[in-house]
Amino acid sequence: MKVRNPWGKHEWNGDWGDQSDLWTDELKQMLNYEEADDGIFWMNFEDFKDCFKRVQICKYVDDYSFDSIRFDAPASEKSCLMITMNVTERGHQTVSLSQKDHRFYPDDTNIKYSNCRVIVARKGDEGLEYVG
């Protein structure tokens, strides 16, 4: 299986990893194999099943760039938090919002879900312009 780590770091070092002796020149050519620390690697299906219990395929883009911020949202229902992004060139941006979930932390009894609303706006000549 060809696997892509979305953060572009950390690769498999077992069978079919970049340093594996199992690769032949013919297979490398046939599968467009590249030996690079780019987060893309190969592994056999049995190892994949042993290492990964859950898989999510969110979005795949070849020249993907990732950045993140972590913050604690205000606890009050009347609180508001604004995050500003400076987009310097045209392109596709993806914004995701997540919070701790009982499904992934079943032993944590202190998880409280937040009520969230996301509004996307752009700065214009007249102030903030609603986008969505």
N, C-alpha and C. Protein backbone atom coordinates (compact mmCIF):
# COMPACT_ATOMS: atom_id res chain seq x y z
N MET A 1 0.84 -1.17 0.00
CA MET A 1 0.00 0.00 0.00
C MET A 1 0.89 1.23 0.00
N LYS A 2 0.48 2.22 -0.76
CA LYS A 2 1.16 3.50 -0.74
C LYS A 2 0.43 4.38 0.27
N VAL A 3 1.16 4.90 1.23
CA VAL A 3 0.58 5.68 2.32
C VAL A 3 1.19 7.07 2.31
N ARG A 4 0.36 8.05 2.58
CA ARG A 4 0.84 9.44 2.63
C ARG A 4 0.51 10.03 3.98
N ASN A 5 1.52 10.39 4.72
CA ASN A 5 1.35 11.08 5.99
C ASN A 5 1.04 12.54 5.66
N PRO A 6 -0.14 13.06 6.03
CA PRO A 6 -0.51 14.40 5.61
C PRO A 6 0.39 15.51 6.15
N TRP A 7 1.15 15.23 7.20
CA TRP A 7 2.05 16.24 7.75
C TRP A 7 3.42 16.18 7.10
N GLY A 8 3.63 15.20 6.23
CA GLY A 8 4.85 15.15 5.44
C GLY A 8 6.09 14.72 6.19
N LYS A 9 5.96 14.19 7.38
CA LYS A 9 7.11 13.73 8.15
C LYS A 9 6.81 12.34 8.71
N HIS A 10 7.84 11.64 9.06
CA HIS A 10 7.75 10.30 9.66
C HIS A 10 7.29 9.27 8.63
N GLU A 11 8.14 8.31 8.40
CA GLU A 11 7.85 7.28 7.42
C GLU A 11 8.08 5.89 8.00
N TRP A 12 7.48 4.92 7.37
CA TRP A 12 7.60 3.52 7.73
C TRP A 12 9.02 3.05 7.43
N ASN A 13 9.60 2.26 8.34
CA ASN A 13 10.96 1.76 8.16
C ASN A 13 11.03 0.26 7.98
N GLY A 14 9.87 -0.43 7.92
CA GLY A 14 9.87 -1.88 7.77
C GLY A 14 9.87 -2.29 6.30
N ASP A 15 9.34 -3.50 6.04
CA ASP A 15 9.26 -4.01 4.67
C ASP A 15 8.57 -3.00 3.76
N TRP A 16 9.17 -2.72 2.62
CA TRP A 16 8.69 -1.80 1.59
C TRP A 16 8.87 -0.33 1.96
N GLY A 17 9.49 -0.03 3.11
CA GLY A 17 9.84 1.35 3.42
C GLY A 17 10.96 1.80 2.48
N ASP A 18 11.31 3.06 2.53
CA ASP A 18 12.31 3.61 1.59
C ASP A 18 13.64 2.84 1.61
N GLN A 19 14.04 2.34 2.75
CA GLN A 19 15.34 1.66 2.87
C GLN A 19 15.25 0.14 2.71
N SER A 20 14.07 -0.38 2.36
CA SER A 20 13.87 -1.82 2.29
C SER A 20 14.65 -2.46 1.14
N ASP A 21 15.17 -3.67 1.39
CA ASP A 21 15.88 -4.45 0.36
C ASP A 21 14.91 -5.12 -0.62
N LEU A 22 13.61 -5.04 -0.36
CA LEU A 22 12.63 -5.70 -1.22
C LEU A 22 12.44 -4.98 -2.56
N TRP A 23 12.81 -3.72 -2.63
CA TRP A 23 12.64 -2.95 -3.87
C TRP A 23 13.59 -3.42 -4.96
N THR A 24 13.04 -3.63 -6.15
CA THR A 24 13.87 -3.90 -7.32
C THR A 24 13.80 -2.67 -8.23
N ASP A 25 14.75 -2.55 -9.13
CA ASP A 25 14.73 -1.42 -10.06
C ASP A 25 13.44 -1.41 -10.89
N GLU A 26 12.99 -2.61 -11.29
CA GLU A 26 11.77 -2.72 -12.09
C GLU A 26 10.55 -2.23 -11.31
N LEU A 27 10.42 -2.65 -10.04
CA LEU A 27 9.29 -2.20 -9.20
C LEU A 27 9.35 -0.70 -8.96
N LYS A 28 10.54 -0.17 -8.70
CA LYS A 28 10.68 1.27 -8.48
C LYS A 28 10.16 2.05 -9.67
N GLN A 29 10.52 1.60 -10.87
CA GLN A 29 10.09 2.29 -12.08
C GLN A 29 8.58 2.14 -12.29
N MET A 30 8.07 0.94 -12.10
CA MET A 30 6.66 0.65 -12.32
C MET A 30 5.76 1.47 -11.38
N LEU A 31 6.20 1.69 -10.13
CA LEU A 31 5.38 2.37 -9.12
C LEU A 31 5.79 3.82 -8.89
N ASN A 32 6.67 4.35 -9.75
CA ASN A 32 7.16 5.72 -9.59
C ASN A 32 7.70 5.96 -8.18
N TYR A 33 8.44 5.00 -7.69
CA TYR A 33 9.03 5.03 -6.36
C TYR A 33 10.05 6.17 -6.25
N GLU A 34 9.99 6.89 -5.14
CA GLU A 34 10.99 7.92 -4.84
C GLU A 34 11.47 7.72 -3.42
N GLU A 35 12.76 7.75 -3.23
CA GLU A 35 13.31 7.66 -1.88
C GLU A 35 13.52 9.09 -1.40
N ALA A 36 12.59 9.54 -0.55
CA ALA A 36 12.65 10.91 -0.04
C ALA A 36 11.94 10.96 1.31
N ASP A 37 12.37 11.86 2.16
CA ASP A 37 11.71 12.05 3.46
C ASP A 37 10.56 13.02 3.25
N ASP A 38 9.52 12.55 2.55
CA ASP A 38 8.41 13.41 2.17
C ASP A 38 7.07 12.97 2.76
N GLY A 39 7.09 11.96 3.62
CA GLY A 39 5.86 11.47 4.23
C GLY A 39 5.11 10.48 3.36
N ILE A 40 5.64 10.15 2.18
CA ILE A 40 5.00 9.15 1.31
C ILE A 40 5.82 7.87 1.39
N PHE A 41 5.17 6.76 1.67
CA PHE A 41 5.90 5.51 1.83
C PHE A 41 5.01 4.33 1.46
N TRP A 42 5.64 3.18 1.31
CA TRP A 42 4.95 1.94 0.98
C TRP A 42 5.08 0.98 2.14
N MET A 43 4.07 0.14 2.33
CA MET A 43 4.14 -0.93 3.33
C MET A 43 3.20 -2.05 2.92
N ASN A 44 3.46 -3.27 3.41
CA ASN A 44 2.55 -4.36 3.04
C ASN A 44 1.25 -4.23 3.85
N PHE A 45 0.21 -4.86 3.33
CA PHE A 45 -1.13 -4.69 3.91
C PHE A 45 -1.21 -5.22 5.34
N GLU A 46 -0.54 -6.32 5.64
CA GLU A 46 -0.59 -6.88 7.00
C GLU A 46 0.03 -5.90 8.00
N ASP A 47 1.16 -5.29 7.66
CA ASP A 47 1.76 -4.29 8.54
C ASP A 47 0.85 -3.07 8.68
N PHE A 48 0.22 -2.68 7.58
CA PHE A 48 -0.71 -1.56 7.62
C PHE A 48 -1.84 -1.82 8.62
N LYS A 49 -2.45 -3.01 8.55
CA LYS A 49 -3.55 -3.35 9.47
C LYS A 49 -3.08 -3.39 10.91
N ASP A 50 -1.83 -3.82 11.15
CA ASP A 50 -1.30 -3.86 12.52
C ASP A 50 -1.01 -2.46 13.07
N CYS A 51 -0.62 -1.54 12.20
CA CYS A 51 -0.19 -0.21 12.65
C CYS A 51 -1.32 0.81 12.71
N PHE A 52 -2.35 0.63 11.89
CA PHE A 52 -3.41 1.64 11.80
C PHE A 52 -4.75 1.01 12.16
N LYS A 53 -5.38 1.54 13.16
CA LYS A 53 -6.69 1.06 13.57
C LYS A 53 -7.81 1.88 12.95
N ARG A 54 -7.50 3.11 12.54
CA ARG A 54 -8.50 4.01 11.96
C ARG A 54 -7.82 4.79 10.84
N VAL A 55 -8.51 4.97 9.74
CA VAL A 55 -7.96 5.70 8.61
C VAL A 55 -8.98 6.76 8.19
N GLN A 56 -8.50 7.96 7.93
CA GLN A 56 -9.35 9.02 7.42
C GLN A 56 -8.74 9.56 6.14
N ILE A 57 -9.54 9.66 5.13
CA ILE A 57 -9.10 10.29 3.89
C ILE A 57 -9.89 11.58 3.79
N CYS A 58 -9.21 12.68 4.03
CA CYS A 58 -9.90 13.96 4.08
C CYS A 58 -9.82 14.69 2.76
N LYS A 59 -8.63 14.94 2.32
CA LYS A 59 -8.42 15.70 1.09
C LYS A 59 -7.00 15.44 0.65
N TYR A 60 -6.81 15.25 -0.63
CA TYR A 60 -5.48 14.98 -1.13
C TYR A 60 -5.12 16.03 -2.18
N VAL A 61 -4.01 16.72 -1.95
CA VAL A 61 -3.50 17.71 -2.90
C VAL A 61 -1.98 17.53 -2.95
N ASP A 62 -1.43 17.39 -4.16
CA ASP A 62 0.01 17.12 -4.30
C ASP A 62 0.90 18.14 -3.61
N ASP A 63 0.63 19.42 -3.79
CA ASP A 63 1.52 20.44 -3.23
C ASP A 63 0.98 21.00 -1.91
N TYR A 64 0.38 20.13 -1.13
CA TYR A 64 -0.27 20.49 0.13
C TYR A 64 0.70 21.12 1.11
N SER A 65 0.27 22.17 1.75
CA SER A 65 1.03 22.83 2.80
C SER A 65 0.13 22.88 4.03
N PHE A 66 0.67 22.60 5.19
CA PHE A 66 -0.14 22.49 6.41
C PHE A 66 0.36 23.46 7.46
N ASP A 67 -0.55 24.11 8.11
CA ASP A 67 -0.22 24.94 9.26
C ASP A 67 -1.37 24.81 10.24
N SER A 68 -1.11 25.02 11.51
CA SER A 68 -2.20 24.88 12.48
C SER A 68 -1.97 25.81 13.67
N ILE A 69 -3.07 26.09 14.35
CA ILE A 69 -3.01 26.80 15.62
C ILE A 69 -3.91 26.06 16.59
N ARG A 70 -3.49 26.02 17.82
CA ARG A 70 -4.31 25.42 18.87
C ARG A 70 -4.67 26.52 19.85
N PHE A 71 -5.89 26.46 20.33
CA PHE A 71 -6.32 27.47 21.30
C PHE A 71 -7.43 26.88 22.14
N ASP A 72 -7.63 27.48 23.29
CA ASP A 72 -8.76 27.13 24.14
C ASP A 72 -9.84 28.16 23.90
N ALA A 73 -11.01 27.69 23.49
CA ALA A 73 -12.12 28.59 23.23
C ALA A 73 -12.68 29.10 24.55
N PRO A 74 -13.21 30.30 24.54
CA PRO A 74 -13.84 30.83 25.76
C PRO A 74 -14.98 29.93 26.21
N ALA A 75 -15.16 29.80 27.52
CA ALA A 75 -16.16 28.88 28.07
C ALA A 75 -17.58 29.44 28.01
N SER A 76 -17.73 30.74 28.02
CA SER A 76 -19.04 31.36 28.06
C SER A 76 -19.75 31.22 26.72
N GLU A 77 -21.08 30.99 26.76
CA GLU A 77 -21.86 30.89 25.52
C GLU A 77 -21.90 32.20 24.77
N LYS A 78 -21.66 33.32 25.47
CA LYS A 78 -21.73 34.62 24.83
C LYS A 78 -20.36 35.09 24.36
N SER A 79 -19.36 34.26 24.51
CA SER A 79 -18.01 34.63 24.10
C SER A 79 -17.86 34.51 22.60
N CYS A 80 -16.89 35.23 22.08
CA CYS A 80 -16.60 35.19 20.65
C CYS A 80 -15.09 35.18 20.48
N LEU A 81 -14.63 34.40 19.58
CA LEU A 81 -13.20 34.32 19.29
C LEU A 81 -13.02 34.53 17.80
N MET A 82 -12.16 35.47 17.41
CA MET A 82 -11.93 35.72 16.00
C MET A 82 -10.49 35.36 15.67
N ILE A 83 -10.32 34.60 14.61
CA ILE A 83 -9.00 34.22 14.13
C ILE A 83 -8.83 34.86 12.76
N THR A 84 -7.73 35.54 12.57
CA THR A 84 -7.47 36.22 11.32
C THR A 84 -6.39 35.49 10.55
N MET A 85 -6.64 35.24 9.26
CA MET A 85 -5.64 34.64 8.38
C MET A 85 -5.30 35.66 7.31
N ASN A 86 -4.04 35.79 7.01
CA ASN A 86 -3.61 36.68 5.94
C ASN A 86 -3.28 35.82 4.72
N VAL A 87 -4.14 35.82 3.72
CA VAL A 87 -3.93 35.04 2.51
C VAL A 87 -3.26 35.95 1.50
N THR A 88 -2.02 35.61 1.12
CA THR A 88 -1.23 36.50 0.29
C THR A 88 -1.31 36.20 -1.20
N GLU A 89 -1.86 35.05 -1.58
CA GLU A 89 -2.00 34.74 -3.00
C GLU A 89 -3.23 33.89 -3.22
N ARG A 90 -3.76 33.95 -4.45
CA ARG A 90 -4.95 33.16 -4.79
C ARG A 90 -4.65 31.68 -4.66
N GLY A 91 -5.64 30.92 -4.25
CA GLY A 91 -5.49 29.49 -4.13
C GLY A 91 -6.65 28.90 -3.35
N HIS A 92 -6.55 27.64 -3.04
CA HIS A 92 -7.57 26.96 -2.25
C HIS A 92 -7.08 26.85 -0.82
N GLN A 93 -7.89 27.26 0.11
CA GLN A 93 -7.57 27.11 1.52
C GLN A 93 -8.65 26.25 2.16
N THR A 94 -8.24 25.41 3.06
CA THR A 94 -9.16 24.57 3.79
C THR A 94 -9.00 24.88 5.27
N VAL A 95 -10.10 25.15 5.93
CA VAL A 95 -10.07 25.44 7.35
C VAL A 95 -10.90 24.37 8.04
N SER A 96 -10.36 23.78 9.08
CA SER A 96 -11.14 22.79 9.82
C SER A 96 -11.11 23.16 11.29
N LEU A 97 -12.13 22.79 11.97
CA LEU A 97 -12.29 23.07 13.39
C LEU A 97 -12.59 21.75 14.07
N SER A 98 -11.88 21.45 15.13
CA SER A 98 -12.15 20.19 15.83
C SER A 98 -12.02 20.40 17.32
N GLN A 99 -12.61 19.50 18.05
CA GLN A 99 -12.52 19.53 19.50
C GLN A 99 -12.41 18.10 20.02
N LYS A 100 -11.93 17.98 21.23
CA LYS A 100 -11.81 16.67 21.87
C LYS A 100 -13.16 15.97 21.85
N ASP A 101 -13.16 14.67 21.64
CA ASP A 101 -14.40 13.94 21.46
C ASP A 101 -14.41 12.71 22.37
N HIS A 102 -15.56 12.42 22.97
CA HIS A 102 -15.70 11.25 23.84
C HIS A 102 -15.37 9.94 23.11
N ARG A 103 -15.58 9.89 21.79
CA ARG A 103 -15.30 8.66 21.05
C ARG A 103 -13.82 8.32 21.08
N PHE A 104 -12.95 9.34 21.09
CA PHE A 104 -11.51 9.10 21.05
C PHE A 104 -10.89 9.10 22.45
N TYR A 105 -11.58 9.70 23.42
CA TYR A 105 -11.09 9.76 24.79
C TYR A 105 -12.18 9.27 25.74
N PRO A 106 -12.55 7.99 25.65
CA PRO A 106 -13.68 7.49 26.43
C PRO A 106 -13.49 7.56 27.94
N ASP A 107 -12.25 7.61 28.42
CA ASP A 107 -12.00 7.65 29.86
C ASP A 107 -11.99 9.07 30.42
N ASP A 108 -11.99 10.06 29.57
CA ASP A 108 -11.96 11.45 30.02
C ASP A 108 -13.38 11.93 30.27
N THR A 109 -13.75 12.05 31.53
CA THR A 109 -15.13 12.45 31.88
C THR A 109 -15.28 13.96 31.95
N ASN A 110 -14.21 14.71 31.71
CA ASN A 110 -14.27 16.17 31.80
C ASN A 110 -14.47 16.85 30.45
N ILE A 111 -14.71 16.11 29.40
CA ILE A 111 -14.89 16.73 28.09
C ILE A 111 -16.24 17.42 28.04
N LYS A 112 -16.20 18.70 27.68
CA LYS A 112 -17.43 19.47 27.48
C LYS A 112 -17.40 19.99 26.05
N TYR A 113 -18.45 19.69 25.31
CA TYR A 113 -18.51 20.13 23.92
C TYR A 113 -18.86 21.61 23.84
N SER A 114 -18.26 22.29 22.88
CA SER A 114 -18.54 23.71 22.67
C SER A 114 -19.60 23.87 21.59
N ASN A 115 -20.42 24.89 21.74
CA ASN A 115 -21.30 25.29 20.65
C ASN A 115 -20.47 26.18 19.74
N CYS A 116 -20.40 25.83 18.48
CA CYS A 116 -19.52 26.56 17.57
C CYS A 116 -20.30 27.10 16.39
N ARG A 117 -19.90 28.25 15.94
CA ARG A 117 -20.40 28.81 14.69
C ARG A 117 -19.18 29.38 13.98
N VAL A 118 -19.03 29.03 12.73
CA VAL A 118 -17.91 29.53 11.94
C VAL A 118 -18.46 30.48 10.89
N ILE A 119 -17.92 31.66 10.85
CA ILE A 119 -18.30 32.66 9.85
C ILE A 119 -17.03 33.04 9.10
N VAL A 120 -17.08 32.99 7.79
CA VAL A 120 -15.94 33.38 6.97
C VAL A 120 -16.24 34.75 6.38
N ALA A 121 -15.29 35.67 6.55
CA ALA A 121 -15.45 37.03 6.03
C ALA A 121 -14.13 37.47 5.43
N ARG A 122 -14.19 38.47 4.58
CA ARG A 122 -12.95 39.04 4.04
C ARG A 122 -12.95 40.52 4.34
N LYS A 123 -11.76 41.06 4.50
CA LYS A 123 -11.61 42.49 4.74
C LYS A 123 -11.83 43.21 3.42
N GLY A 124 -12.73 44.15 3.42
CA GLY A 124 -12.96 44.96 2.23
C GLY A 124 -12.84 46.43 2.57
N ASP A 125 -13.11 47.27 1.60
CA ASP A 125 -13.02 48.71 1.82
C ASP A 125 -14.02 49.20 2.84
N GLU A 126 -15.16 48.50 2.94
CA GLU A 126 -16.22 48.90 3.87
C GLU A 126 -16.15 48.14 5.20
N GLY A 127 -15.07 47.44 5.47
CA GLY A 127 -14.95 46.63 6.68
C GLY A 127 -15.00 45.15 6.33
N LEU A 128 -15.59 44.36 7.20
CA LEU A 128 -15.69 42.93 6.95
C LEU A 128 -16.86 42.62 6.02
N GLU A 129 -16.60 41.79 5.00
CA GLU A 129 -17.63 41.36 4.05
C GLU A 129 -17.90 39.88 4.28
N TYR A 130 -19.15 39.54 4.49
CA TYR A 130 -19.55 38.15 4.74
C TYR A 130 -19.28 37.30 3.49
N VAL A 131 -18.63 36.14 3.70
CA VAL A 131 -18.38 35.20 2.60
C VAL A 131 -19.26 33.97 2.77
N GLY A 132 -19.28 33.42 3.97
CA GLY A 132 -20.09 32.22 4.19
C GLY A 132 -20.04 31.75 5.61
